Amino acid sequence: GIDKNLEVTKKELYEAKKLIITNDIQKLKISNCYIVAVPTPIDKNK
């Protein structure tokens, strides 16, 4: 229930009963739509 970024609350996380949080790639196989939301920074040379 901890989001260090403070974008969502503990209450919101606990109430999200339909959200499965995982780092197991195998669990992704049941999906058919993947939304990629990873950071795209710049390096030291911009």
PDB file of all heavy atoms in Angstrom:
ATOM      1  N   GLY A   1       0.784  -1.225   0.000  1.00  0.00           N
ATOM      2  CA  GLY A   1       0.000   0.000   0.000  1.00  0.00           C
ATOM      3  C   GLY A   1       0.817   1.276   0.000  1.00  0.00           C
ATOM      4  O   GLY A   1       0.304   2.360   0.313  1.00  0.00           O
ATOM      5  N   ILE A   2       2.102   1.174  -0.358  1.00  0.00           N
ATOM      6  CA  ILE A   2       2.995   2.331  -0.329  1.00  0.00           C
ATOM      7  C   ILE A   2       3.380   2.761  -1.743  1.00  0.00           C
ATOM      8  O   ILE A   2       3.948   1.977  -2.509  1.00  0.00           O
ATOM      9  CB  ILE A   2       4.278   2.023   0.465  1.00  0.00           C
ATOM     10  CG1 ILE A   2       3.929   1.658   1.911  1.00  0.00           C
ATOM     11  CG2 ILE A   2       5.238   3.210   0.424  1.00  0.00           C
ATOM     12  CD1 ILE A   2       5.090   1.077   2.684  1.00  0.00           C
ATOM     13  N   ASP A   3       3.071   3.991  -2.085  1.00  0.00           N
ATOM     14  CA  ASP A   3       3.541   4.600  -3.326  1.00  0.00           C
ATOM     15  C   ASP A   3       4.461   5.753  -2.948  1.00  0.00           C
ATOM     16  O   ASP A   3       3.998   6.822  -2.544  1.00  0.00           O
ATOM     17  CB  ASP A   3       2.376   5.106  -4.185  1.00  0.00           C
ATOM     18  CG  ASP A   3       2.861   5.882  -5.410  1.00  0.00           C
ATOM     19  OD1 ASP A   3       3.984   5.620  -5.888  1.00  0.00           O
ATOM     20  OD2 ASP A   3       2.120   6.780  -5.882  1.00  0.00           O
ATOM     21  N   LYS A   4       5.763   5.553  -3.067  1.00  0.00           N
ATOM     22  CA  LYS A   4       6.725   6.584  -2.655  1.00  0.00           C
ATOM     23  C   LYS A   4       6.604   7.857  -3.486  1.00  0.00           C
ATOM     24  O   LYS A   4       7.074   8.917  -3.067  1.00  0.00           O
ATOM     25  CB  LYS A   4       8.151   6.043  -2.739  1.00  0.00           C
ATOM     26  CG  LYS A   4       8.644   5.745  -4.141  1.00  0.00           C
ATOM     27  CD  LYS A   4      10.084   5.287  -4.143  1.00  0.00           C
ATOM     28  CE  LYS A   4      10.587   5.092  -5.565  1.00  0.00           C
ATOM     29  NZ  LYS A   4      12.012   4.662  -5.596  1.00  0.00           N
ATOM     30  N   ASN A   5       5.990   7.748  -4.676  1.00  0.00           N
ATOM     31  CA  ASN A   5       5.796   8.921  -5.529  1.00  0.00           C
ATOM     32  C   ASN A   5       4.621   9.784  -5.080  1.00  0.00           C
ATOM     33  O   ASN A   5       4.431  10.900  -5.587  1.00  0.00           O
ATOM     34  CB  ASN A   5       5.577   8.505  -6.980  1.00  0.00           C
ATOM     35  CG  ASN A   5       6.755   7.755  -7.565  1.00  0.00           C
ATOM     36  OD1 ASN A   5       7.896   7.935  -7.141  1.00  0.00           O
ATOM     37  ND2 ASN A   5       6.505   6.901  -8.553  1.00  0.00           N
ATOM     38  N   LEU A   6       3.811   9.252  -4.180  1.00  0.00           N
ATOM     39  CA  LEU A   6       2.653   9.956  -3.614  1.00  0.00           C
ATOM     40  C   LEU A   6       1.594  10.312  -4.658  1.00  0.00           C
ATOM     41  O   LEU A   6       0.821  11.247  -4.474  1.00  0.00           O
ATOM     42  CB  LEU A   6       3.102  11.233  -2.872  1.00  0.00           C
ATOM     43  CG  LEU A   6       4.146  11.052  -1.762  1.00  0.00           C
ATOM     44  CD1 LEU A   6       4.470  12.397  -1.114  1.00  0.00           C
ATOM     45  CD2 LEU A   6       3.668  10.048  -0.730  1.00  0.00           C
ATOM     46  N   GLU A   7       1.560   9.552  -5.739  1.00  0.00           N
ATOM     47  CA  GLU A   7       0.541   9.781  -6.761  1.00  0.00           C
ATOM     48  C   GLU A   7      -0.773   9.092  -6.412  1.00  0.00           C
ATOM     49  O   GLU A   7      -1.840   9.549  -6.826  1.00  0.00           O
ATOM     50  CB  GLU A   7       1.043   9.292  -8.123  1.00  0.00           C
ATOM     51  CG  GLU A   7       2.146  10.147  -8.726  1.00  0.00           C
ATOM     52  CD  GLU A   7       1.711  11.577  -8.991  1.00  0.00           C
ATOM     53  OE1 GLU A   7       0.647  11.776  -9.620  1.00  0.00           O
ATOM     54  OE2 GLU A   7       2.408  12.503  -8.548  1.00  0.00           O
ATOM     55  N   VAL A   8      -0.693   7.986  -5.684  1.00  0.00           N
ATOM     56  CA  VAL A   8      -1.904   7.300  -5.243  1.00  0.00           C
ATOM     57  C   VAL A   8      -1.797   7.014  -3.752  1.00  0.00           C
ATOM     58  O   VAL A   8      -0.698   6.912  -3.199  1.00  0.00           O
ATOM     59  CB  VAL A   8      -2.150   5.988  -6.020  1.00  0.00           C
ATOM     60  CG1 VAL A   8      -2.223   6.249  -7.517  1.00  0.00           C
ATOM     61  CG2 VAL A   8      -1.056   4.974  -5.740  1.00  0.00           C
ATOM     62  N   THR A   9      -2.923   6.876  -3.097  1.00  0.00           N
ATOM     63  CA  THR A   9      -2.954   6.663  -1.655  1.00  0.00           C
ATOM     64  C   THR A   9      -2.997   5.178  -1.307  1.00  0.00           C
ATOM     65  O   THR A   9      -3.309   4.333  -2.153  1.00  0.00           O
ATOM     66  CB  THR A   9      -4.177   7.356  -1.033  1.00  0.00           C
ATOM     67  OG1 THR A   9      -5.373   6.716  -1.531  1.00  0.00           O
ATOM     68  CG2 THR A   9      -4.208   8.833  -1.388  1.00  0.00           C
ATOM     69  N   LYS A  10      -2.704   4.893  -0.050  1.00  0.00           N
ATOM     70  CA  LYS A  10      -2.797   3.523   0.442  1.00  0.00           C
ATOM     71  C   LYS A  10      -4.223   2.997   0.287  1.00  0.00           C
ATOM     72  O   LYS A  10      -4.435   1.842  -0.093  1.00  0.00           O
ATOM     73  CB  LYS A  10      -2.357   3.461   1.905  1.00  0.00           C
ATOM     74  CG  LYS A  10      -2.417   2.072   2.528  1.00  0.00           C
ATOM     75  CD  LYS A  10      -1.885   2.058   3.933  1.00  0.00           C
ATOM     76  CE  LYS A  10      -0.392   2.171   3.981  1.00  0.00           C
ATOM     77  NZ  LYS A  10       0.170   1.930   5.345  1.00  0.00           N
ATOM     78  N   LYS A  11      -5.187   3.850   0.571  1.00  0.00           N
ATOM     79  CA  LYS A  11      -6.600   3.481   0.447  1.00  0.00           C
ATOM     80  C   LYS A  11      -6.935   3.088  -0.990  1.00  0.00           C
ATOM     81  O   LYS A  11      -7.601   2.078  -1.228  1.00  0.00           O
ATOM     82  CB  LYS A  11      -7.485   4.640   0.891  1.00  0.00           C
ATOM     83  CG  LYS A  11      -8.993   4.347   0.883  1.00  0.00           C
ATOM     84  CD  LYS A  11      -9.751   5.521   1.503  1.00  0.00           C
ATOM     85  CE  LYS A  11     -11.263   5.256   1.555  1.00  0.00           C
ATOM     86  NZ  LYS A  11     -11.885   5.329   0.255  1.00  0.00           N
ATOM     87  N   GLU A  12      -6.443   3.874  -1.953  1.00  0.00           N
ATOM     88  CA  GLU A  12      -6.694   3.575  -3.366  1.00  0.00           C
ATOM     89  C   GLU A  12      -6.083   2.240  -3.774  1.00  0.00           C
ATOM     90  O   GLU A  12      -6.684   1.467  -4.522  1.00  0.00           O
ATOM     91  CB  GLU A  12      -6.150   4.698  -4.245  1.00  0.00           C
ATOM     92  CG  GLU A  12      -6.971   5.981  -4.186  1.00  0.00           C
ATOM     93  CD  GLU A  12      -6.334   7.115  -4.966  1.00  0.00           C
ATOM     94  OE1 GLU A  12      -5.103   7.305  -4.861  1.00  0.00           O
ATOM     95  OE2 GLU A  12      -7.071   7.821  -5.682  1.00  0.00           O
ATOM     96  N   LEU A  13      -4.886   1.968  -3.285  1.00  0.00           N
ATOM     97  CA  LEU A  13      -4.224   0.706  -3.612  1.00  0.00           C
ATOM     98  C   LEU A  13      -4.961  -0.484  -3.012  1.00  0.00           C
ATOM     99  O   LEU A  13      -5.142  -1.515  -3.670  1.00  0.00           O
ATOM    100  CB  LEU A  13      -2.770   0.728  -3.129  1.00  0.00           C
ATOM    101  CG  LEU A  13      -1.785   1.525  -4.001  1.00  0.00           C
ATOM    102  CD1 LEU A  13      -0.464   1.720  -3.281  1.00  0.00           C
ATOM    103  CD2 LEU A  13      -1.553   0.824  -5.331  1.00  0.00           C
ATOM    104  N   TYR A  14      -5.392  -0.349  -1.776  1.00  0.00           N
ATOM    105  CA  TYR A  14      -6.098  -1.446  -1.125  1.00  0.00           C
ATOM    106  C   TYR A  14      -7.473  -1.703  -1.735  1.00  0.00           C
ATOM    107  O   TYR A  14      -7.975  -2.830  -1.741  1.00  0.00           O
ATOM    108  CB  TYR A  14      -6.229  -1.174   0.377  1.00  0.00           C
ATOM    109  CG  TYR A  14      -4.969  -1.470   1.172  1.00  0.00           C
ATOM    110  CD1 TYR A  14      -4.663  -0.747   2.313  1.00  0.00           C
ATOM    111  CD2 TYR A  14      -4.094  -2.468   0.769  1.00  0.00           C
ATOM    112  CE1 TYR A  14      -3.508  -1.015   3.047  1.00  0.00           C
ATOM    113  CE2 TYR A  14      -2.936  -2.745   1.478  1.00  0.00           C
ATOM    114  CZ  TYR A  14      -2.647  -2.019   2.618  1.00  0.00           C
ATOM    115  OH  TYR A  14      -1.500  -2.288   3.326  1.00  0.00           O
ATOM    116  N   GLU A  15      -8.084  -0.634  -2.249  1.00  0.00           N
ATOM    117  CA  GLU A  15      -9.409  -0.776  -2.850  1.00  0.00           C
ATOM    118  C   GLU A  15      -9.373  -1.269  -4.294  1.00  0.00           C
ATOM    119  O   GLU A  15     -10.415  -1.605  -4.868  1.00  0.00           O
ATOM    120  CB  GLU A  15     -10.148   0.562  -2.779  1.00  0.00           C
ATOM    121  CG  GLU A  15     -10.584   0.943  -1.363  1.00  0.00           C
ATOM    122  CD  GLU A  15     -11.277   2.284  -1.312  1.00  0.00           C
ATOM    123  OE1 GLU A  15     -11.264   3.005  -2.341  1.00  0.00           O
ATOM    124  OE2 GLU A  15     -11.842   2.630  -0.246  1.00  0.00           O
ATOM    125  N   ALA A  16      -8.176  -1.321  -4.876  1.00  0.00           N
ATOM    126  CA  ALA A  16      -8.037  -1.746  -6.275  1.00  0.00           C
ATOM    127  C   ALA A  16      -8.039  -3.278  -6.367  1.00  0.00           C
ATOM    128  O   ALA A  16      -7.010  -3.919  -6.616  1.00  0.00           O
ATOM    129  CB  ALA A  16      -6.757  -1.171  -6.865  1.00  0.00           C
ATOM    130  N   LYS A  17      -9.192  -3.873  -6.170  1.00  0.00           N
ATOM    131  CA  LYS A  17      -9.305  -5.330  -6.109  1.00  0.00           C
ATOM    132  C   LYS A  17      -9.088  -6.003  -7.467  1.00  0.00           C
ATOM    133  O   LYS A  17      -8.744  -7.192  -7.525  1.00  0.00           O
ATOM    134  CB  LYS A  17     -10.685  -5.728  -5.560  1.00  0.00           C
ATOM    135  CG  LYS A  17     -11.001  -5.132  -4.183  1.00  0.00           C
ATOM    136  CD  LYS A  17      -9.975  -5.554  -3.138  1.00  0.00           C
ATOM    137  CE  LYS A  17     -10.351  -5.023  -1.756  1.00  0.00           C
ATOM    138  NZ  LYS A  17      -9.324  -5.383  -0.733  1.00  0.00           N
ATOM    139  N   LYS A  18      -9.269  -5.244  -8.547  1.00  0.00           N
ATOM    140  CA  LYS A  18      -9.098  -5.819  -9.877  1.00  0.00           C
ATOM    141  C   LYS A  18      -7.689  -5.585 -10.447  1.00  0.00           C
ATOM    142  O   LYS A  18      -7.429  -5.904 -11.601  1.00  0.00           O
ATOM    143  CB  LYS A  18     -10.138  -5.242 -10.840  1.00  0.00           C
ATOM    144  CG  LYS A  18     -11.565  -5.648 -10.522  1.00  0.00           C
ATOM    145  CD  LYS A  18     -12.531  -5.093 -11.540  1.00  0.00           C
ATOM    146  CE  LYS A  18     -13.968  -5.523 -11.239  1.00  0.00           C
ATOM    147  NZ  LYS A  18     -14.916  -4.980 -12.248  1.00  0.00           N
ATOM    148  N   LEU A  19      -6.803  -5.026  -9.621  1.00  0.00           N
ATOM    149  CA  LEU A  19      -5.429  -4.764 -10.055  1.00  0.00           C
ATOM    150  C   LEU A  19      -4.490  -5.819  -9.480  1.00  0.00           C
ATOM    151  O   LEU A  19      -4.367  -5.961  -8.264  1.00  0.00           O
ATOM    152  CB  LEU A  19      -4.979  -3.366  -9.623  1.00  0.00           C
ATOM    153  CG  LEU A  19      -3.515  -2.998  -9.904  1.00  0.00           C
ATOM    154  CD1 LEU A  19      -3.219  -3.034 -11.398  1.00  0.00           C
ATOM    155  CD2 LEU A  19      -3.180  -1.619  -9.315  1.00  0.00           C
ATOM    156  N   ILE A  20      -3.825  -6.537 -10.359  1.00  0.00           N
ATOM    157  CA  ILE A  20      -2.819  -7.524  -9.960  1.00  0.00           C
ATOM    158  C   ILE A  20      -1.439  -6.908 -10.190  1.00  0.00           C
ATOM    159  O   ILE A  20      -1.090  -6.544 -11.310  1.00  0.00           O
ATOM    160  CB  ILE A  20      -2.956  -8.830 -10.756  1.00  0.00           C
ATOM    161  CG1 ILE A  20      -4.328  -9.460 -10.506  1.00  0.00           C
ATOM    162  CG2 ILE A  20      -1.836  -9.804 -10.404  1.00  0.00           C
ATOM    163  CD1 ILE A  20      -4.632 -10.630 -11.422  1.00  0.00           C
ATOM    164  N   ILE A  21      -0.645  -6.763  -9.144  1.00  0.00           N
ATOM    165  CA  ILE A  21       0.682  -6.157  -9.228  1.00  0.00           C
ATOM    166  C   ILE A  21       1.733  -7.257  -9.215  1.00  0.00           C
ATOM    167  O   ILE A  21       1.768  -8.078  -8.292  1.00  0.00           O
ATOM    168  CB  ILE A  21       0.909  -5.163  -8.066  1.00  0.00           C
ATOM    169  CG1 ILE A  21      -0.098  -4.004  -8.171  1.00  0.00           C
ATOM    170  CG2 ILE A  21       2.332  -4.634  -8.066  1.00  0.00           C
ATOM    171  CD1 ILE A  21      -0.100  -3.087  -6.971  1.00  0.00           C
ATOM    172  N   THR A  22       2.605  -7.280 -10.205  1.00  0.00           N
ATOM    173  CA  THR A  22       3.538  -8.396 -10.330  1.00  0.00           C
ATOM    174  C   THR A  22       4.819  -7.995 -11.060  1.00  0.00           C
ATOM    175  O   THR A  22       4.844  -7.010 -11.795  1.00  0.00           O
ATOM    176  CB  THR A  22       2.875  -9.564 -11.080  1.00  0.00           C
ATOM    177  OG1 THR A  22       3.754 -10.684 -11.120  1.00  0.00           O
ATOM    178  CG2 THR A  22       2.536  -9.157 -12.531  1.00  0.00           C
ATOM    179  N   ASN A  23       5.874  -8.787 -10.861  1.00  0.00           N
ATOM    180  CA  ASN A  23       7.091  -8.693 -11.660  1.00  0.00           C
ATOM    181  C   ASN A  23       7.345 -10.002 -12.399  1.00  0.00           C
ATOM    182  O   ASN A  23       8.444 -10.234 -12.903  1.00  0.00           O
ATOM    183  CB  ASN A  23       8.295  -8.327 -10.782  1.00  0.00           C
ATOM    184  CG  ASN A  23       8.604  -9.375  -9.728  1.00  0.00           C
ATOM    185  OD1 ASN A  23       7.747 -10.184  -9.343  1.00  0.00           O
ATOM    186  ND2 ASN A  23       9.834  -9.394  -9.248  1.00  0.00           N
ATOM    187  N   ASP A  24       6.323 -10.836 -12.450  1.00  0.00           N
ATOM    188  CA  ASP A  24       6.392 -12.132 -13.121  1.00  0.00           C
ATOM    189  C   ASP A  24       5.905 -11.992 -14.572  1.00  0.00           C
ATOM    190  O   ASP A  24       4.714 -11.783 -14.817  1.00  0.00           O
ATOM    191  CB  ASP A  24       5.547 -13.157 -12.369  1.00  0.00           C
ATOM    192  CG  ASP A  24       5.657 -14.565 -12.949  1.00  0.00           C
ATOM    193  OD1 ASP A  24       6.320 -14.739 -13.996  1.00  0.00           O
ATOM    194  OD2 ASP A  24       5.052 -15.488 -12.356  1.00  0.00           O
ATOM    195  N   ILE A  25       6.826 -12.115 -15.505  1.00  0.00           N
ATOM    196  CA  ILE A  25       6.493 -11.962 -16.924  1.00  0.00           C
ATOM    197  C   ILE A  25       5.437 -12.964 -17.371  1.00  0.00           C
ATOM    198  O   ILE A  25       4.582 -12.662 -18.213  1.00  0.00           O
ATOM    199  CB  ILE A  25       7.770 -12.094 -17.791  1.00  0.00           C
ATOM    200  CG1 ILE A  25       8.734 -10.948 -17.479  1.00  0.00           C
ATOM    201  CG2 ILE A  25       7.420 -12.090 -19.278  1.00  0.00           C
ATOM    202  CD1 ILE A  25      10.065 -11.063 -18.175  1.00  0.00           C
ATOM    203  N   GLN A  26       5.492 -14.144 -16.805  1.00  0.00           N
ATOM    204  CA  GLN A  26       4.567 -15.205 -17.216  1.00  0.00           C
ATOM    205  C   GLN A  26       3.099 -14.818 -17.004  1.00  0.00           C
ATOM    206  O   GLN A  26       2.220 -15.236 -17.750  1.00  0.00           O
ATOM    207  CB  GLN A  26       4.877 -16.495 -16.449  1.00  0.00           C
ATOM    208  CG  GLN A  26       6.275 -17.060 -16.714  1.00  0.00           C
ATOM    209  CD  GLN A  26       6.561 -17.284 -18.180  1.00  0.00           C
ATOM    210  OE1 GLN A  26       5.746 -17.859 -18.918  1.00  0.00           O
ATOM    211  NE2 GLN A  26       7.705 -16.814 -18.640  1.00  0.00           N
ATOM    212  N   LYS A  27       2.862 -13.979 -15.989  1.00  0.00           N
ATOM    213  CA  LYS A  27       1.485 -13.572 -15.701  1.00  0.00           C
ATOM    214  C   LYS A  27       0.919 -12.621 -16.752  1.00  0.00           C
ATOM    215  O   LYS A  27      -0.288 -12.377 -16.795  1.00  0.00           O
ATOM    216  CB  LYS A  27       1.412 -12.942 -14.312  1.00  0.00           C
ATOM    217  CG  LYS A  27       1.602 -13.948 -13.179  1.00  0.00           C
ATOM    218  CD  LYS A  27       1.381 -13.308 -11.822  1.00  0.00           C
ATOM    219  CE  LYS A  27       1.518 -14.355 -10.708  1.00  0.00           C
ATOM    220  NZ  LYS A  27       1.299 -13.774  -9.362  1.00  0.00           N
ATOM    221  N   LEU A  28       1.807 -12.091 -17.592  1.00  0.00           N
ATOM    222  CA  LEU A  28       1.369 -11.184 -18.642  1.00  0.00           C
ATOM    223  C   LEU A  28       0.747 -11.920 -19.829  1.00  0.00           C
ATOM    224  O   LEU A  28       0.074 -11.307 -20.661  1.00  0.00           O
ATOM    225  CB  LEU A  28       2.548 -10.329 -19.140  1.00  0.00           C
ATOM    226  CG  LEU A  28       3.184  -9.357 -18.136  1.00  0.00           C
ATOM    227  CD1 LEU A  28       4.415  -8.703 -18.756  1.00  0.00           C
ATOM    228  CD2 LEU A  28       2.183  -8.298 -17.710  1.00  0.00           C
ATOM    229  N   LYS A  29       0.993 -13.205 -19.909  1.00  0.00           N
ATOM    230  CA  LYS A  29       0.593 -13.975 -21.089  1.00  0.00           C
ATOM    231  C   LYS A  29      -0.916 -14.022 -21.305  1.00  0.00           C
ATOM    232  O   LYS A  29      -1.380 -14.254 -22.419  1.00  0.00           O
ATOM    233  CB  LYS A  29       1.153 -15.392 -21.011  1.00  0.00           C
ATOM    234  CG  LYS A  29       2.671 -15.459 -21.214  1.00  0.00           C
ATOM    235  CD  LYS A  29       3.163 -16.891 -21.200  1.00  0.00           C
ATOM    236  CE  LYS A  29       4.654 -16.969 -21.515  1.00  0.00           C
ATOM    237  NZ  LYS A  29       5.153 -18.372 -21.513  1.00  0.00           N
ATOM    238  N   ILE A  30      -1.696 -13.822 -20.234  1.00  0.00           N
ATOM    239  CA  ILE A  30      -3.148 -13.873 -20.394  1.00  0.00           C
ATOM    240  C   ILE A  30      -3.687 -12.594 -21.035  1.00  0.00           C
ATOM    241  O   ILE A  30      -4.831 -12.521 -21.448  1.00  0.00           O
ATOM    242  CB  ILE A  30      -3.862 -14.108 -19.053  1.00  0.00           C
ATOM    243  CG1 ILE A  30      -3.616 -12.938 -18.099  1.00  0.00           C
ATOM    244  CG2 ILE A  30      -3.419 -15.436 -18.424  1.00  0.00           C
ATOM    245  CD1 ILE A  30      -4.478 -12.976 -16.844  1.00  0.00           C
ATOM    246  N   SER A  31      -2.844 -11.568 -21.120  1.00  0.00           N
ATOM    247  CA  SER A  31      -3.267 -10.278 -21.663  1.00  0.00           C
ATOM    248  C   SER A  31      -3.238 -10.292 -23.178  1.00  0.00           C
ATOM    249  O   SER A  31      -2.521 -11.068 -23.805  1.00  0.00           O
ATOM    250  CB  SER A  31      -2.368  -9.160 -21.138  1.00  0.00           C
ATOM    251  OG  SER A  31      -2.345  -9.142 -19.718  1.00  0.00           O
ATOM    252  N   ASN A  32      -4.010  -9.393 -23.774  1.00  0.00           N
ATOM    253  CA  ASN A  32      -3.946  -9.204 -25.230  1.00  0.00           C
ATOM    254  C   ASN A  32      -3.787  -7.738 -25.615  1.00  0.00           C
ATOM    255  O   ASN A  32      -3.777  -7.378 -26.779  1.00  0.00           O
ATOM    256  CB  ASN A  32      -5.170  -9.812 -25.922  1.00  0.00           C
ATOM    257  CG  ASN A  32      -6.485  -9.221 -25.411  1.00  0.00           C
ATOM    258  OD1 ASN A  32      -6.530  -8.158 -24.793  1.00  0.00           O
ATOM    259  ND2 ASN A  32      -7.578  -9.942 -25.678  1.00  0.00           N
ATOM    260  N   CYS A  33      -3.664  -6.886 -24.593  1.00  0.00           N
ATOM    261  CA  CYS A  33      -3.431  -5.462 -24.823  1.00  0.00           C
ATOM    262  C   CYS A  33      -2.433  -4.968 -23.787  1.00  0.00           C
ATOM    263  O   CYS A  33      -2.696  -5.032 -22.582  1.00  0.00           O
ATOM    264  CB  CYS A  33      -4.733  -4.679 -24.738  1.00  0.00           C
ATOM    265  SG  CYS A  33      -4.545  -2.903 -25.069  1.00  0.00           S
ATOM    266  N   TYR A  34      -1.295  -4.485 -24.253  1.00  0.00           N
ATOM    267  CA  TYR A  34      -0.215  -4.078 -23.371  1.00  0.00           C
ATOM    268  C   TYR A  34       0.005  -2.573 -23.486  1.00  0.00           C
ATOM    269  O   TYR A  34       0.246  -2.057 -24.581  1.00  0.00           O
ATOM    270  CB  TYR A  34       1.077  -4.818 -23.735  1.00  0.00           C
ATOM    271  CG  TYR A  34       0.925  -6.322 -23.750  1.00  0.00           C
ATOM    272  CD1 TYR A  34       0.566  -6.987 -24.924  1.00  0.00           C
ATOM    273  CD2 TYR A  34       1.121  -7.070 -22.608  1.00  0.00           C
ATOM    274  CE1 TYR A  34       0.406  -8.359 -24.951  1.00  0.00           C
ATOM    275  CE2 TYR A  34       0.967  -8.448 -22.616  1.00  0.00           C
ATOM    276  CZ  TYR A  34       0.611  -9.081 -23.789  1.00  0.00           C
ATOM    277  OH  TYR A  34       0.458 -10.456 -23.803  1.00  0.00           O
ATOM    278  N   ILE A  35      -0.075  -1.878 -22.364  1.00  0.00           N
ATOM    279  CA  ILE A  35       0.177  -0.440 -22.348  1.00  0.00           C
ATOM    280  C   ILE A  35       1.558  -0.202 -21.745  1.00  0.00           C
ATOM    281  O   ILE A  35       1.800  -0.522 -20.578  1.00  0.00           O
ATOM    282  CB  ILE A  35      -0.891   0.321 -21.541  1.00  0.00           C
ATOM    283  CG1 ILE A  35      -2.277   0.096 -22.160  1.00  0.00           C
ATOM    284  CG2 ILE A  35      -0.564   1.808 -21.500  1.00  0.00           C
ATOM    285  CD1 ILE A  35      -3.405   0.764 -21.391  1.00  0.00           C
ATOM    286  N   VAL A  36       2.472   0.333 -22.533  1.00  0.00           N
ATOM    287  CA  VAL A  36       3.852   0.554 -22.103  1.00  0.00           C
ATOM    288  C   VAL A  36       3.988   1.983 -21.581  1.00  0.00           C
ATOM    289  O   VAL A  36       3.782   2.947 -22.313  1.00  0.00           O
ATOM    290  CB  VAL A  36       4.841   0.306 -23.256  1.00  0.00           C
ATOM    291  CG1 VAL A  36       6.275   0.605 -22.805  1.00  0.00           C
ATOM    292  CG2 VAL A  36       4.718  -1.134 -23.761  1.00  0.00           C
ATOM    293  N   ALA A  37       4.344   2.087 -20.298  1.00  0.00           N
ATOM    294  CA  ALA A  37       4.440   3.398 -19.652  1.00  0.00           C
ATOM    295  C   ALA A  37       5.739   3.485 -18.848  1.00  0.00           C
ATOM    296  O   ALA A  37       5.724   3.615 -17.626  1.00  0.00           O
ATOM    297  CB  ALA A  37       3.230   3.641 -18.752  1.00  0.00           C
ATOM    298  N   VAL A  38       6.859   3.395 -19.528  1.00  0.00           N
ATOM    299  CA  VAL A  38       8.156   3.444 -18.861  1.00  0.00           C
ATOM    300  C   VAL A  38       8.820   4.794 -19.116  1.00  0.00           C
ATOM    301  O   VAL A  38       8.510   5.478 -20.089  1.00  0.00           O
ATOM    302  CB  VAL A  38       9.077   2.300 -19.342  1.00  0.00           C
ATOM    303  CG1 VAL A  38       8.471   0.950 -18.973  1.00  0.00           C
ATOM    304  CG2 VAL A  38       9.321   2.382 -20.853  1.00  0.00           C
ATOM    305  N   PRO A  39       9.756   5.208 -18.256  1.00  0.00           N
ATOM    306  CA  PRO A  39      10.425   6.497 -18.438  1.00  0.00           C
ATOM    307  C   PRO A  39      11.264   6.548 -19.711  1.00  0.00           C
ATOM    308  O   PRO A  39      11.865   5.552 -20.115  1.00  0.00           O
ATOM    309  CB  PRO A  39      11.324   6.605 -17.198  1.00  0.00           C
ATOM    310  CG  PRO A  39      10.763   5.640 -16.211  1.00  0.00           C
ATOM    311  CD  PRO A  39      10.183   4.526 -17.013  1.00  0.00           C
ATOM    312  N   THR A  40      11.309   7.726 -20.320  1.00  0.00           N
ATOM    313  CA  THR A  40      12.173   7.968 -21.478  1.00  0.00           C
ATOM    314  C   THR A  40      12.985   9.231 -21.201  1.00  0.00           C
ATOM    315  O   THR A  40      12.641  10.322 -21.666  1.00  0.00           O
ATOM    316  CB  THR A  40      11.351   8.131 -22.770  1.00  0.00           C
ATOM    317  OG1 THR A  40      10.237   9.018 -22.528  1.00  0.00           O
ATOM    318  CG2 THR A  40      10.822   6.789 -23.241  1.00  0.00           C
ATOM    319  N   PRO A  41      14.065   9.114 -20.449  1.00  0.00           N
ATOM    320  CA  PRO A  41      14.882  10.278 -20.083  1.00  0.00           C
ATOM    321  C   PRO A  41      15.865  10.668 -21.184  1.00  0.00           C
ATOM    322  O   PRO A  41      15.795  10.157 -22.312  1.00  0.00           O
ATOM    323  CB  PRO A  41      15.626   9.782 -18.840  1.00  0.00           C
ATOM    324  CG  PRO A  41      15.782   8.300 -19.076  1.00  0.00           C
ATOM    325  CD  PRO A  41      14.553   7.873 -19.831  1.00  0.00           C
ATOM    326  N   ILE A  42      16.760  11.574 -20.864  1.00  0.00           N
ATOM    327  CA  ILE A  42      17.891  11.901 -21.730  1.00  0.00           C
ATOM    328  C   ILE A  42      19.168  11.564 -20.979  1.00  0.00           C
ATOM    329  O   ILE A  42      19.182  11.498 -19.747  1.00  0.00           O
ATOM    330  CB  ILE A  42      17.902  13.387 -22.142  1.00  0.00           C
ATOM    331  CG1 ILE A  42      17.817  14.298 -20.907  1.00  0.00           C
ATOM    332  CG2 ILE A  42      16.785  13.676 -23.127  1.00  0.00           C
ATOM    333  CD1 ILE A  42      17.964  15.782 -21.214  1.00  0.00           C
ATOM    334  N   ASP A  43      20.272  11.335 -21.720  1.00  0.00           N
ATOM    335  CA  ASP A  43      21.534  11.041 -21.060  1.00  0.00           C
ATOM    336  C   ASP A  43      22.294  12.331 -20.766  1.00  0.00           C
ATOM    337  O   ASP A  43      21.781  13.435 -20.986  1.00  0.00           O
ATOM    338  CB  ASP A  43      22.365  10.051 -21.877  1.00  0.00           C
ATOM    339  CG  ASP A  43      22.789  10.606 -23.243  1.00  0.00           C
ATOM    340  OD1 ASP A  43      22.771  11.848 -23.445  1.00  0.00           O
ATOM    341  OD2 ASP A  43      23.158   9.791 -24.121  1.00  0.00           O
ATOM    342  N   LYS A  44      23.513  12.215 -20.289  1.00  0.00           N
ATOM    343  CA  LYS A  44      24.297  13.384 -19.906  1.00  0.00           C
ATOM    344  C   LYS A  44      24.633  14.292 -21.081  1.00  0.00           C
ATOM    345  O   LYS A  44      24.968  15.464 -20.902  1.00  0.00           O
ATOM    346  CB  LYS A  44      25.589  12.942 -19.204  1.00  0.00           C
ATOM    347  CG  LYS A  44      26.531  12.114 -20.069  1.00  0.00           C
ATOM    348  CD  LYS A  44      27.769  11.708 -19.279  1.00  0.00           C
ATOM    349  CE  LYS A  44      28.723  10.888 -20.152  1.00  0.00           C
ATOM    350  NZ  LYS A  44      29.949  10.485 -19.376  1.00  0.00           N
ATOM    351  N   ASN A  45      24.518  13.737 -22.290  1.00  0.00           N
ATOM    352  CA  ASN A  45      24.783  14.518 -23.496  1.00  0.00           C
ATOM    353  C   ASN A  45      23.505  15.066 -24.129  1.00  0.00           C
ATOM    354  O   ASN A  45      23.524  15.527 -25.269  1.00  0.00           O
ATOM    355  CB  ASN A  45      25.545  13.669 -24.515  1.00  0.00           C
ATOM    356  CG  ASN A  45      26.898  13.228 -24.001  1.00  0.00           C
ATOM    357  OD1 ASN A  45      27.660  14.023 -23.445  1.00  0.00           O
ATOM    358  ND2 ASN A  45      27.216  11.935 -24.156  1.00  0.00           N
ATOM    359  N   LYS A  46      22.387  14.996 -23.405  1.00  0.00           N
ATOM    360  CA  LYS A  46      21.080  15.486 -23.853  1.00  0.00           C
ATOM    361  C   LYS A  46      20.527  14.686 -25.038  1.00  0.00           C
ATOM    362  O   LYS A  46      19.771  15.202 -25.858  1.00  0.00           O
ATOM    363  CB  LYS A  46      21.144  16.979 -24.240  1.00  0.00           C
ATOM    364  CG  LYS A  46      21.886  17.872 -23.256  1.00  0.00           C
ATOM    365  CD  LYS A  46      21.202  17.963 -21.923  1.00  0.00           C
ATOM    366  CE  LYS A  46      21.870  18.992 -21.020  1.00  0.00           C
ATOM    367  NZ  LYS A  46      21.281  19.029 -19.656  1.00  0.00           N
TER     368      LYS A  46
END
